[in-house]
Amino acid sequence: AMLRLMIVDGSDIVRKVGKRILSELGYLVMEASSAREAIVRCEADLPK
């Protein structure tokens, strides 16, 4: 199984760059643009 990783950052660019690089490193990358969005997603599906 791929390791799930979440990037929580208000900047679309930061998330996009991080996602591209980390996906290439073999992670399954999720994104959240706010703390509130992140906690909801973590409650549903906790990343490593």
All heavy atoms as atom14 arrays in JSON, in Angstrom:
{
  "sequence": "AMLRLMIVDGSDIVRKVGKRILSELGYLVMEASSAREAIVRCEADLPK",
  "atom14_mask": [
    [1, 1, 1, 1, 1, 0, 0, 0, 0, 0, 0, 0, 0, 0],
    [1, 1, 1, 1, 1, 1, 1, 1, 0, 0, 0, 0, 0, 0],
    [1, 1, 1, 1, 1, 1, 1, 1, 0, 0, 0, 0, 0, 0],
    [1, 1, 1, 1, 1, 1, 1, 1, 1, 1, 1, 0, 0, 0],
    [1, 1, 1, 1, 1, 1, 1, 1, 0, 0, 0, 0, 0, 0],
    [1, 1, 1, 1, 1, 1, 1, 1, 0, 0, 0, 0, 0, 0],
    [1, 1, 1, 1, 1, 1, 1, 1, 0, 0, 0, 0, 0, 0],
    [1, 1, 1, 1, 1, 1, 1, 0, 0, 0, 0, 0, 0, 0],
    [1, 1, 1, 1, 1, 1, 1, 1, 0, 0, 0, 0, 0, 0],
    [1, 1, 1, 1, 0, 0, 0, 0, 0, 0, 0, 0, 0, 0],
    [1, 1, 1, 1, 1, 1, 0, 0, 0, 0, 0, 0, 0, 0],
    [1, 1, 1, 1, 1, 1, 1, 1, 0, 0, 0, 0, 0, 0],
    [1, 1, 1, 1, 1, 1, 1, 1, 0, 0, 0, 0, 0, 0],
    [1, 1, 1, 1, 1, 1, 1, 0, 0, 0, 0, 0, 0, 0],
    [1, 1, 1, 1, 1, 1, 1, 1, 1, 1, 1, 0, 0, 0],
    [1, 1, 1, 1, 1, 1, 1, 1, 1, 0, 0, 0, 0, 0],
    [1, 1, 1, 1, 1, 1, 1, 0, 0, 0, 0, 0, 0, 0],
    [1, 1, 1, 1, 0, 0, 0, 0, 0, 0, 0, 0, 0, 0],
    [1, 1, 1, 1, 1, 1, 1, 1, 1, 0, 0, 0, 0, 0],
    [1, 1, 1, 1, 1, 1, 1, 1, 1, 1, 1, 0, 0, 0],
    [1, 1, 1, 1, 1, 1, 1, 1, 0, 0, 0, 0, 0, 0],
    [1, 1, 1, 1, 1, 1, 1, 1, 0, 0, 0, 0, 0, 0],
    [1, 1, 1, 1, 1, 1, 0, 0, 0, 0, 0, 0, 0, 0],
    [1, 1, 1, 1, 1, 1, 1, 1, 1, 0, 0, 0, 0, 0],
    [1, 1, 1, 1, 1, 1, 1, 1, 0, 0, 0, 0, 0, 0],
    [1, 1, 1, 1, 0, 0, 0, 0, 0, 0, 0, 0, 0, 0],
    [1, 1, 1, 1, 1, 1, 1, 1, 1, 1, 1, 1, 0, 0],
    [1, 1, 1, 1, 1, 1, 1, 1, 0, 0, 0, 0, 0, 0],
    [1, 1, 1, 1, 1, 1, 1, 0, 0, 0, 0, 0, 0, 0],
    [1, 1, 1, 1, 1, 1, 1, 1, 0, 0, 0, 0, 0, 0],
    [1, 1, 1, 1, 1, 1, 1, 1, 1, 0, 0, 0, 0, 0],
    [1, 1, 1, 1, 1, 0, 0, 0, 0, 0, 0, 0, 0, 0],
    [1, 1, 1, 1, 1, 1, 0, 0, 0, 0, 0, 0, 0, 0],
    [1, 1, 1, 1, 1, 1, 0, 0, 0, 0, 0, 0, 0, 0],
    [1, 1, 1, 1, 1, 0, 0, 0, 0, 0, 0, 0, 0, 0],
    [1, 1, 1, 1, 1, 1, 1, 1, 1, 1, 1, 0, 0, 0],
    [1, 1, 1, 1, 1, 1, 1, 1, 1, 0, 0, 0, 0, 0],
    [1, 1, 1, 1, 1, 0, 0, 0, 0, 0, 0, 0, 0, 0],
    [1, 1, 1, 1, 1, 1, 1, 1, 0, 0, 0, 0, 0, 0],
    [1, 1, 1, 1, 1, 1, 1, 0, 0, 0, 0, 0, 0, 0],
    [1, 1, 1, 1, 1, 1, 1, 1, 1, 1, 1, 0, 0, 0],
    [1, 1, 1, 1, 1, 1, 0, 0, 0, 0, 0, 0, 0, 0],
    [1, 1, 1, 1, 1, 1, 1, 1, 1, 0, 0, 0, 0, 0],
    [1, 1, 1, 1, 1, 0, 0, 0, 0, 0, 0, 0, 0, 0],
    [1, 1, 1, 1, 1, 1, 1, 1, 0, 0, 0, 0, 0, 0],
    [1, 1, 1, 1, 1, 1, 1, 1, 0, 0, 0, 0, 0, 0],
    [1, 1, 1, 1, 1, 1, 1, 0, 0, 0, 0, 0, 0, 0],
    [1, 1, 1, 1, 1, 1, 1, 1, 1, 0, 0, 0, 0, 0]
  ],
  "atom14_positions": [
    [[0.84, -1.2, 0.0], [0.0, 0.0, 0.0], [0.88, 1.25, 0.0], [1.94, 1.27, 0.61], [-0.89, 0.0, 1.23], [0.0, 0.0, 0.0], [0.0, 0.0, 0.0], [0.0, 0.0, 0.0], [0.0, 0.0, 0.0], [0.0, 0.0, 0.0], [0.0, 0.0, 0.0], [0.0, 0.0, 0.0], [0.0, 0.0, 0.0], [0.0, 0.0, 0.0]],
    [[0.42, 2.28, -0.71], [1.18, 3.53, -0.73], [0.96, 4.26, 0.58], [-0.14, 4.22, 1.15], [0.71, 4.41, -1.88], [1.16, 3.92, -3.24], [0.43, 4.94, -4.56], [1.63, 6.25, -4.67], [0.0, 0.0, 0.0], [0.0, 0.0, 0.0], [0.0, 0.0, 0.0], [0.0, 0.0, 0.0], [0.0, 0.0, 0.0], [0.0, 0.0, 0.0]],
    [[1.99, 4.91, 1.06], [1.86, 5.7, 2.28], [1.09, 6.98, 1.96], [1.41, 7.68, 1.02], [3.25, 6.09, 2.8], [3.95, 5.1, 3.71], [5.21, 5.73, 4.26], [3.06, 4.7, 4.88], [0.0, 0.0, 0.0], [0.0, 0.0, 0.0], [0.0, 0.0, 0.0], [0.0, 0.0, 0.0], [0.0, 0.0, 0.0], [0.0, 0.0, 0.0]],
    [[0.1, 7.26, 2.8], [-0.69, 8.47, 2.59], [-0.08, 9.64, 3.34], [0.28, 9.55, 4.5], [-2.13, 8.24, 3.01], [-2.83, 7.28, 2.08], [-4.33, 7.42, 2.09], [-4.84, 7.62, 3.43], [-4.94, 6.66, 4.36], [-4.54, 5.44, 4.09], [-5.43, 6.92, 5.54], [0.0, 0.0, 0.0], [0.0, 0.0, 0.0], [0.0, 0.0, 0.0]],
    [[0.01, 10.74, 2.64], [0.6, 11.94, 3.19], [-0.32, 13.1, 2.88], [-0.89, 13.15, 1.78], [1.97, 12.14, 2.52], [2.82, 13.34, 2.89], [4.28, 13.0, 2.71], [2.48, 14.58, 2.07], [0.0, 0.0, 0.0], [0.0, 0.0, 0.0], [0.0, 0.0, 0.0], [0.0, 0.0, 0.0], [0.0, 0.0, 0.0], [0.0, 0.0, 0.0]],
    [[-0.52, 14.0, 3.84], [-1.36, 15.16, 3.58], [-0.56, 16.45, 3.73], [0.16, 16.61, 4.7], [-2.56, 15.2, 4.53], [-3.54, 16.34, 4.17], [-4.89, 16.54, 5.37], [-5.75, 15.0, 5.18], [0.0, 0.0, 0.0], [0.0, 0.0, 0.0], [0.0, 0.0, 0.0], [0.0, 0.0, 0.0], [0.0, 0.0, 0.0], [0.0, 0.0, 0.0]],
    [[-0.7, 17.32, 2.73], [-0.08, 18.64, 2.8], [-1.18, 19.63, 3.15], [-2.19, 19.72, 2.43], [0.53, 19.06, 1.44], [1.6, 18.05, 1.01], [1.1, 20.47, 1.53], [2.17, 18.33, -0.37], [0.0, 0.0, 0.0], [0.0, 0.0, 0.0], [0.0, 0.0, 0.0], [0.0, 0.0, 0.0], [0.0, 0.0, 0.0], [0.0, 0.0, 0.0]],
    [[-0.99, 20.34, 4.25], [-1.97, 21.34, 4.66], [-1.31, 22.7, 4.54], [-0.42, 23.05, 5.31], [-2.43, 21.11, 6.12], [-3.59, 22.03, 6.46], [-2.82, 19.66, 6.34], [0.0, 0.0, 0.0], [0.0, 0.0, 0.0], [0.0, 0.0, 0.0], [0.0, 0.0, 0.0], [0.0, 0.0, 0.0], [0.0, 0.0, 0.0], [0.0, 0.0, 0.0]],
    [[-1.74, 23.46, 3.54], [-1.13, 24.75, 3.28], [-2.13, 25.62, 2.54], [-2.85, 25.14, 1.67], [0.14, 24.56, 2.43], [1.05, 25.78, 2.46], [0.62, 26.86, 1.99], [2.18, 25.66, 2.97], [0.0, 0.0, 0.0], [0.0, 0.0, 0.0], [0.0, 0.0, 0.0], [0.0, 0.0, 0.0], [0.0, 0.0, 0.0], [0.0, 0.0, 0.0]],
    [[-2.18, 26.89, 2.89], [-3.12, 27.81, 2.25], [-2.76, 28.14, 0.82], [-3.59, 28.63, 0.06], [0.0, 0.0, 0.0], [0.0, 0.0, 0.0], [0.0, 0.0, 0.0], [0.0, 0.0, 0.0], [0.0, 0.0, 0.0], [0.0, 0.0, 0.0], [0.0, 0.0, 0.0], [0.0, 0.0, 0.0], [0.0, 0.0, 0.0], [0.0, 0.0, 0.0]],
    [[-1.51, 27.87, 0.44], [-1.06, 28.22, -0.91], [-1.23, 27.07, -1.9], [-0.7, 25.98, -1.69], [0.42, 28.64, -0.86], [1.01, 28.47, -2.14], [0.0, 0.0, 0.0], [0.0, 0.0, 0.0], [0.0, 0.0, 0.0], [0.0, 0.0, 0.0], [0.0, 0.0, 0.0], [0.0, 0.0, 0.0], [0.0, 0.0, 0.0], [0.0, 0.0, 0.0]],
    [[-1.96, 27.34, -2.98], [-2.17, 26.33, -4.02], [-0.84, 25.89, -4.62], [-0.63, 24.72, -4.9], [-3.03, 26.9, -5.16], [-4.45, 27.19, -4.7], [-4.83, 26.69, -3.62], [-5.18, 27.9, -5.41], [0.0, 0.0, 0.0], [0.0, 0.0, 0.0], [0.0, 0.0, 0.0], [0.0, 0.0, 0.0], [0.0, 0.0, 0.0], [0.0, 0.0, 0.0]],
    [[0.06, 26.87, -4.82], [1.36, 26.59, -5.44], [2.17, 25.64, -4.56], [2.74, 24.67, -5.05], [2.17, 27.9, -5.62], [1.34, 28.94, -6.37], [3.51, 27.61, -6.29], [1.57, 29.12, -7.81], [0.0, 0.0, 0.0], [0.0, 0.0, 0.0], [0.0, 0.0, 0.0], [0.0, 0.0, 0.0], [0.0, 0.0, 0.0], [0.0, 0.0, 0.0]],
    [[2.22, 25.94, -3.26], [2.99, 25.1, -2.33], [2.44, 23.67, -2.36], [3.2, 22.71, -2.45], [2.93, 25.67, -0.89], [3.5, 24.67, 0.11], [3.69, 26.98, -0.82], [0.0, 0.0, 0.0], [0.0, 0.0, 0.0], [0.0, 0.0, 0.0], [0.0, 0.0, 0.0], [0.0, 0.0, 0.0], [0.0, 0.0, 0.0], [0.0, 0.0, 0.0]],
    [[1.12, 23.55, -2.31], [0.52, 22.21, -2.33], [0.82, 21.5, -3.65], [1.13, 20.32, -3.67], [-1.0, 22.29, -2.09], [-1.35, 22.72, -0.68], [-2.81, 22.41, -0.34], [-3.74, 22.74, -1.41], [-4.3, 23.93, -1.58], [-4.04, 24.94, -0.75], [-5.14, 24.14, -2.57], [0.0, 0.0, 0.0], [0.0, 0.0, 0.0], [0.0, 0.0, 0.0]],
    [[0.72, 22.23, -4.75], [0.93, 21.65, -6.07], [2.37, 21.14, -6.22], [2.6, 20.01, -6.66], [0.63, 22.7, -7.15], [0.35, 22.12, -8.51], [-0.22, 23.19, -9.45], [-1.71, 23.37, -9.25], [-2.27, 24.66, -9.55], [0.0, 0.0, 0.0], [0.0, 0.0, 0.0], [0.0, 0.0, 0.0], [0.0, 0.0, 0.0], [0.0, 0.0, 0.0]],
    [[3.34, 21.97, -5.83], [4.75, 21.59, -5.93], [5.03, 20.4, -5.02], [5.65, 19.41, -5.43], [5.66, 22.79, -5.54], [7.11, 22.34, -5.38], [5.57, 23.88, -6.6], [0.0, 0.0, 0.0], [0.0, 0.0, 0.0], [0.0, 0.0, 0.0], [0.0, 0.0, 0.0], [0.0, 0.0, 0.0], [0.0, 0.0, 0.0], [0.0, 0.0, 0.0]],
    [[4.57, 20.5, -3.77], [4.78, 19.41, -2.82], [4.17, 18.12, -3.32], [4.78, 17.05, -3.23], [0.0, 0.0, 0.0], [0.0, 0.0, 0.0], [0.0, 0.0, 0.0], [0.0, 0.0, 0.0], [0.0, 0.0, 0.0], [0.0, 0.0, 0.0], [0.0, 0.0, 0.0], [0.0, 0.0, 0.0], [0.0, 0.0, 0.0], [0.0, 0.0, 0.0]],
    [[2.96, 18.22, -3.84], [2.26, 17.02, -4.31], [3.01, 16.36, -5.46], [3.16, 15.15, -5.49], [0.84, 17.38, -4.75], [0.05, 16.17, -5.21], [-1.41, 16.49, -5.45], [-2.19, 15.2, -5.68], [-3.63, 15.41, -5.6], [0.0, 0.0, 0.0], [0.0, 0.0, 0.0], [0.0, 0.0, 0.0], [0.0, 0.0, 0.0], [0.0, 0.0, 0.0]],
    [[3.49, 17.18, -6.38], [4.19, 16.63, -7.54], [5.45, 15.87, -7.1], [5.67, 14.73, -7.48], [4.55, 17.74, -8.53], [5.07, 17.17, -9.85], [5.3, 18.23, -10.89], [6.38, 19.12, -10.48], [6.28, 20.44, -10.39], [5.15, 21.05, -10.67], [7.31, 21.18, -10.02], [0.0, 0.0, 0.0], [0.0, 0.0, 0.0], [0.0, 0.0, 0.0]],
    [[6.26, 16.51, -6.27], [7.52, 15.89, -5.83], [7.26, 14.65, -4.98], [7.86, 13.59, -5.19], [8.37, 16.91, -5.03], [8.76, 18.08, -5.95], [9.62, 16.23, -4.47], [9.36, 19.28, -5.21], [0.0, 0.0, 0.0], [0.0, 0.0, 0.0], [0.0, 0.0, 0.0], [0.0, 0.0, 0.0], [0.0, 0.0, 0.0], [0.0, 0.0, 0.0]],
    [[6.33, 14.77, -4.01], [6.08, 13.64, -3.1], [5.41, 12.47, -3.81], [5.64, 11.32, -3.47], [5.27, 14.12, -1.9], [6.08, 15.03, -0.96], [5.17, 15.85, -0.07], [7.06, 14.22, -0.12], [0.0, 0.0, 0.0], [0.0, 0.0, 0.0], [0.0, 0.0, 0.0], [0.0, 0.0, 0.0], [0.0, 0.0, 0.0], [0.0, 0.0, 0.0]],
    [[4.59, 12.76, -4.81], [3.97, 11.69, -5.6], [5.06, 10.92, -6.33], [5.03, 9.69, -6.42], [2.97, 12.26, -6.61], [1.89, 12.85, -5.93], [0.0, 0.0, 0.0], [0.0, 0.0, 0.0], [0.0, 0.0, 0.0], [0.0, 0.0, 0.0], [0.0, 0.0, 0.0], [0.0, 0.0, 0.0], [0.0, 0.0, 0.0], [0.0, 0.0, 0.0]],
    [[6.05, 11.65, -6.87], [7.16, 11.01, -7.55], [7.99, 10.15, -6.59], [8.58, 9.16, -6.99], [8.06, 12.06, -8.22], [7.44, 12.67, -9.47], [8.2, 13.9, -9.96], [9.35, 14.13, -9.52], [7.63, 14.63, -10.8], [0.0, 0.0, 0.0], [0.0, 0.0, 0.0], [0.0, 0.0, 0.0], [0.0, 0.0, 0.0], [0.0, 0.0, 0.0]],
    [[8.0, 10.54, -5.31], [8.74, 9.76, -4.31], [7.94, 8.53, -3.87], [8.43, 7.72, -3.09], [9.05, 10.62, -3.08], [10.13, 11.7, -3.25], [10.23, 12.55, -1.99], [11.48, 11.08, -3.58], [0.0, 0.0, 0.0], [0.0, 0.0, 0.0], [0.0, 0.0, 0.0], [0.0, 0.0, 0.0], [0.0, 0.0, 0.0], [0.0, 0.0, 0.0]],
    [[6.71, 8.41, -4.34], [5.94, 7.21, -4.06], [4.84, 7.36, -3.03], [4.28, 6.37, -2.57], [0.0, 0.0, 0.0], [0.0, 0.0, 0.0], [0.0, 0.0, 0.0], [0.0, 0.0, 0.0], [0.0, 0.0, 0.0], [0.0, 0.0, 0.0], [0.0, 0.0, 0.0], [0.0, 0.0, 0.0], [0.0, 0.0, 0.0], [0.0, 0.0, 0.0]],
    [[4.51, 8.59, -2.67], [3.43, 8.8, -1.71], [2.1, 9.0, -2.42], [2.05, 9.47, -3.55], [3.69, 10.05, -0.85], [4.81, 9.88, 0.13], [6.11, 10.23, -0.2], [4.57, 9.35, 1.39], [7.14, 10.05, 0.7], [5.6, 9.18, 2.3], [6.88, 9.53, 1.95], [7.9, 9.36, 2.84], [0.0, 0.0, 0.0], [0.0, 0.0, 0.0]],
    [[1.04, 8.67, -1.7], [-0.3, 9.02, -2.13], [-0.59, 10.33, -1.41], [-0.72, 10.36, -0.19], [-1.27, 7.93, -1.68], [-2.72, 8.12, -2.11], [-2.84, 8.11, -3.63], [-3.58, 7.03, -1.52], [0.0, 0.0, 0.0], [0.0, 0.0, 0.0], [0.0, 0.0, 0.0], [0.0, 0.0, 0.0], [0.0, 0.0, 0.0], [0.0, 0.0, 0.0]],
    [[-0.63, 11.43, -2.15], [-0.7, 12.75, -1.53], [-2.11, 13.33, -1.54], [-2.77, 13.38, -2.56], [0.26, 13.74, -2.24], [0.23, 15.1, -1.55], [1.68, 13.2, -2.25], [0.0, 0.0, 0.0], [0.0, 0.0, 0.0], [0.0, 0.0, 0.0], [0.0, 0.0, 0.0], [0.0, 0.0, 0.0], [0.0, 0.0, 0.0], [0.0, 0.0, 0.0]],
    [[-2.55, 13.73, -0.34], [-3.83, 14.42, -0.2], [-3.52, 15.87, 0.13], [-2.44, 16.18, 0.61], [-4.65, 13.8, 0.93], [-4.83, 12.29, 0.78], [-5.92, 11.58, 2.05], [-4.91, 11.69, 3.52], [0.0, 0.0, 0.0], [0.0, 0.0, 0.0], [0.0, 0.0, 0.0], [0.0, 0.0, 0.0], [0.0, 0.0, 0.0], [0.0, 0.0, 0.0]],
    [[-4.48, 16.75, -0.15], [-4.26, 18.16, 0.12], [-5.4, 18.74, 0.94], [-6.53, 18.27, 0.84], [-4.21, 18.97, -1.19], [-3.17, 18.54, -2.18], [-3.31, 19.35, -3.47], [-3.39, 20.6, -3.4], [-3.37, 18.74, -4.55], [0.0, 0.0, 0.0], [0.0, 0.0, 0.0], [0.0, 0.0, 0.0], [0.0, 0.0, 0.0], [0.0, 0.0, 0.0]],
    [[-5.08, 19.75, 1.72], [-6.11, 20.53, 2.4], [-5.61, 21.97, 2.41], [-4.43, 22.22, 2.61], [-6.34, 20.02, 3.81], [0.0, 0.0, 0.0], [0.0, 0.0, 0.0], [0.0, 0.0, 0.0], [0.0, 0.0, 0.0], [0.0, 0.0, 0.0], [0.0, 0.0, 0.0], [0.0, 0.0, 0.0], [0.0, 0.0, 0.0], [0.0, 0.0, 0.0]],
    [[-6.53, 22.91, 2.19], [-6.12, 24.31, 2.11], [-6.38, 25.07, 3.41], [-6.05, 26.24, 3.52], [-6.84, 25.0, 0.95], [-8.23, 24.91, 1.14], [0.0, 0.0, 0.0], [0.0, 0.0, 0.0], [0.0, 0.0, 0.0], [0.0, 0.0, 0.0], [0.0, 0.0, 0.0], [0.0, 0.0, 0.0], [0.0, 0.0, 0.0], [0.0, 0.0, 0.0]],
    [[-6.98, 24.37, 4.39], [-7.2, 25.03, 5.68], [-7.15, 23.97, 6.78], [-7.27, 22.77, 6.52], [-8.59, 25.68, 5.7], [-9.61, 24.69, 5.74], [0.0, 0.0, 0.0], [0.0, 0.0, 0.0], [0.0, 0.0, 0.0], [0.0, 0.0, 0.0], [0.0, 0.0, 0.0], [0.0, 0.0, 0.0], [0.0, 0.0, 0.0], [0.0, 0.0, 0.0]],
    [[-6.96, 24.44, 8.01], [-6.9, 23.53, 9.15], [-8.23, 22.8, 9.3], [-8.27, 21.61, 9.61], [-6.56, 24.31, 10.42], [0.0, 0.0, 0.0], [0.0, 0.0, 0.0], [0.0, 0.0, 0.0], [0.0, 0.0, 0.0], [0.0, 0.0, 0.0], [0.0, 0.0, 0.0], [0.0, 0.0, 0.0], [0.0, 0.0, 0.0], [0.0, 0.0, 0.0]],
    [[-9.32, 23.51, 9.07], [-10.64, 22.9, 9.23], [-10.85, 21.78, 8.22], [-11.31, 20.69, 8.56], [-11.74, 23.96, 9.08], [-13.13, 23.39, 9.4], [-14.22, 24.46, 9.36], [-14.02, 25.46, 10.38], [-13.9, 26.78, 10.13], [-13.95, 27.22, 8.9], [-13.75, 27.63, 11.11], [0.0, 0.0, 0.0], [0.0, 0.0, 0.0], [0.0, 0.0, 0.0]],
    [[-10.49, 22.04, 6.97], [-10.61, 21.02, 5.93], [-9.73, 19.81, 6.27], [-10.13, 18.66, 6.12], [-10.18, 21.61, 4.58], [-10.31, 20.63, 3.42], [-9.69, 21.14, 2.12], [-9.27, 22.32, 2.06], [-9.61, 20.33, 1.18], [0.0, 0.0, 0.0], [0.0, 0.0, 0.0], [0.0, 0.0, 0.0], [0.0, 0.0, 0.0], [0.0, 0.0, 0.0]],
    [[-8.54, 20.1, 6.8], [-7.6, 19.03, 7.12], [-8.13, 18.11, 8.21], [-8.02, 16.89, 8.1], [-6.25, 19.62, 7.53], [0.0, 0.0, 0.0], [0.0, 0.0, 0.0], [0.0, 0.0, 0.0], [0.0, 0.0, 0.0], [0.0, 0.0, 0.0], [0.0, 0.0, 0.0], [0.0, 0.0, 0.0], [0.0, 0.0, 0.0], [0.0, 0.0, 0.0]],
    [[-8.71, 18.68, 9.26], [-9.17, 17.83, 10.37], [-10.35, 16.96, 9.91], [-10.43, 15.78, 10.26], [-9.49, 18.63, 11.66], [-9.65, 17.69, 12.85], [-10.7, 19.52, 11.52], [-8.41, 16.96, 13.28], [0.0, 0.0, 0.0], [0.0, 0.0, 0.0], [0.0, 0.0, 0.0], [0.0, 0.0, 0.0], [0.0, 0.0, 0.0], [0.0, 0.0, 0.0]],
    [[-11.22, 17.52, 9.07], [-12.34, 16.74, 8.55], [-11.81, 15.56, 7.73], [-12.27, 14.43, 7.88], [-13.26, 17.63, 7.68], [-14.25, 16.79, 6.89], [-14.0, 18.63, 8.56], [0.0, 0.0, 0.0], [0.0, 0.0, 0.0], [0.0, 0.0, 0.0], [0.0, 0.0, 0.0], [0.0, 0.0, 0.0], [0.0, 0.0, 0.0], [0.0, 0.0, 0.0]],
    [[-10.8, 15.83, 6.9], [-10.24, 14.75, 6.07], [-9.49, 13.73, 6.92], [-9.51, 12.54, 6.62], [-9.31, 15.34, 5.01], [-10.01, 16.4, 4.17], [-9.22, 16.76, 2.96], [-9.84, 16.07, 1.85], [-9.28, 15.93, 0.65], [-8.09, 16.41, 0.43], [-9.9, 15.31, -0.3], [0.0, 0.0, 0.0], [0.0, 0.0, 0.0], [0.0, 0.0, 0.0]],
    [[-8.81, 14.2, 7.97], [-8.08, 13.27, 8.84], [-9.05, 12.38, 9.61], [-8.77, 11.21, 9.85], [-7.19, 14.05, 9.83], [-5.69, 14.69, 9.08], [0.0, 0.0, 0.0], [0.0, 0.0, 0.0], [0.0, 0.0, 0.0], [0.0, 0.0, 0.0], [0.0, 0.0, 0.0], [0.0, 0.0, 0.0], [0.0, 0.0, 0.0], [0.0, 0.0, 0.0]],
    [[-10.18, 12.95, 10.01], [-11.18, 12.15, 10.73], [-11.71, 11.04, 9.83], [-11.98, 9.94, 10.28], [-12.33, 13.04, 11.21], [-11.96, 13.85, 12.45], [-12.99, 14.94, 12.77], [-13.95, 15.15, 11.98], [-12.82, 15.6, 13.81], [0.0, 0.0, 0.0], [0.0, 0.0, 0.0], [0.0, 0.0, 0.0], [0.0, 0.0, 0.0], [0.0, 0.0, 0.0]],
    [[-11.83, 11.35, 8.53], [-12.35, 10.37, 7.58], [-11.29, 9.35, 7.19], [-11.57, 8.17, 7.01], [-12.87, 11.08, 6.33], [0.0, 0.0, 0.0], [0.0, 0.0, 0.0], [0.0, 0.0, 0.0], [0.0, 0.0, 0.0], [0.0, 0.0, 0.0], [0.0, 0.0, 0.0], [0.0, 0.0, 0.0], [0.0, 0.0, 0.0], [0.0, 0.0, 0.0]],
    [[-10.05, 9.81, 7.08], [-8.99, 8.97, 6.52], [-7.65, 9.5, 7.0], [-7.09, 10.42, 6.4], [-9.09, 9.06, 4.99], [-8.4, 7.89, 4.32], [-7.83, 7.05, 5.03], [-8.43, 7.83, 3.08], [0.0, 0.0, 0.0], [0.0, 0.0, 0.0], [0.0, 0.0, 0.0], [0.0, 0.0, 0.0], [0.0, 0.0, 0.0], [0.0, 0.0, 0.0]],
    [[-7.14, 8.94, 8.08], [-5.93, 9.45, 8.7], [-4.69, 9.15, 7.85], [-4.44, 8.0, 7.52], [-5.78, 8.8, 10.09], [-4.93, 9.52, 11.12], [-5.47, 10.91, 11.42], [-4.84, 8.7, 12.39], [0.0, 0.0, 0.0], [0.0, 0.0, 0.0], [0.0, 0.0, 0.0], [0.0, 0.0, 0.0], [0.0, 0.0, 0.0], [0.0, 0.0, 0.0]],
    [[-3.92, 10.18, 7.49], [-2.69, 9.92, 6.73], [-1.58, 9.43, 7.66], [-1.69, 9.58, 8.88], [-2.33, 11.3, 6.14], [-2.89, 12.27, 7.13], [-4.11, 11.62, 7.72], [0.0, 0.0, 0.0], [0.0, 0.0, 0.0], [0.0, 0.0, 0.0], [0.0, 0.0, 0.0], [0.0, 0.0, 0.0], [0.0, 0.0, 0.0], [0.0, 0.0, 0.0]],
    [[-0.52, 8.86, 7.11], [0.63, 8.42, 7.9], [1.5, 9.64, 8.24], [2.17, 9.68, 9.25], [1.5, 7.43, 7.11], [1.22, 5.96, 7.29], [0.82, 5.47, 8.65], [1.91, 5.11, 9.62], [1.32, 4.78, 10.97], [0.0, 0.0, 0.0], [0.0, 0.0, 0.0], [0.0, 0.0, 0.0], [0.0, 0.0, 0.0], [0.0, 0.0, 0.0]]
  ]
}
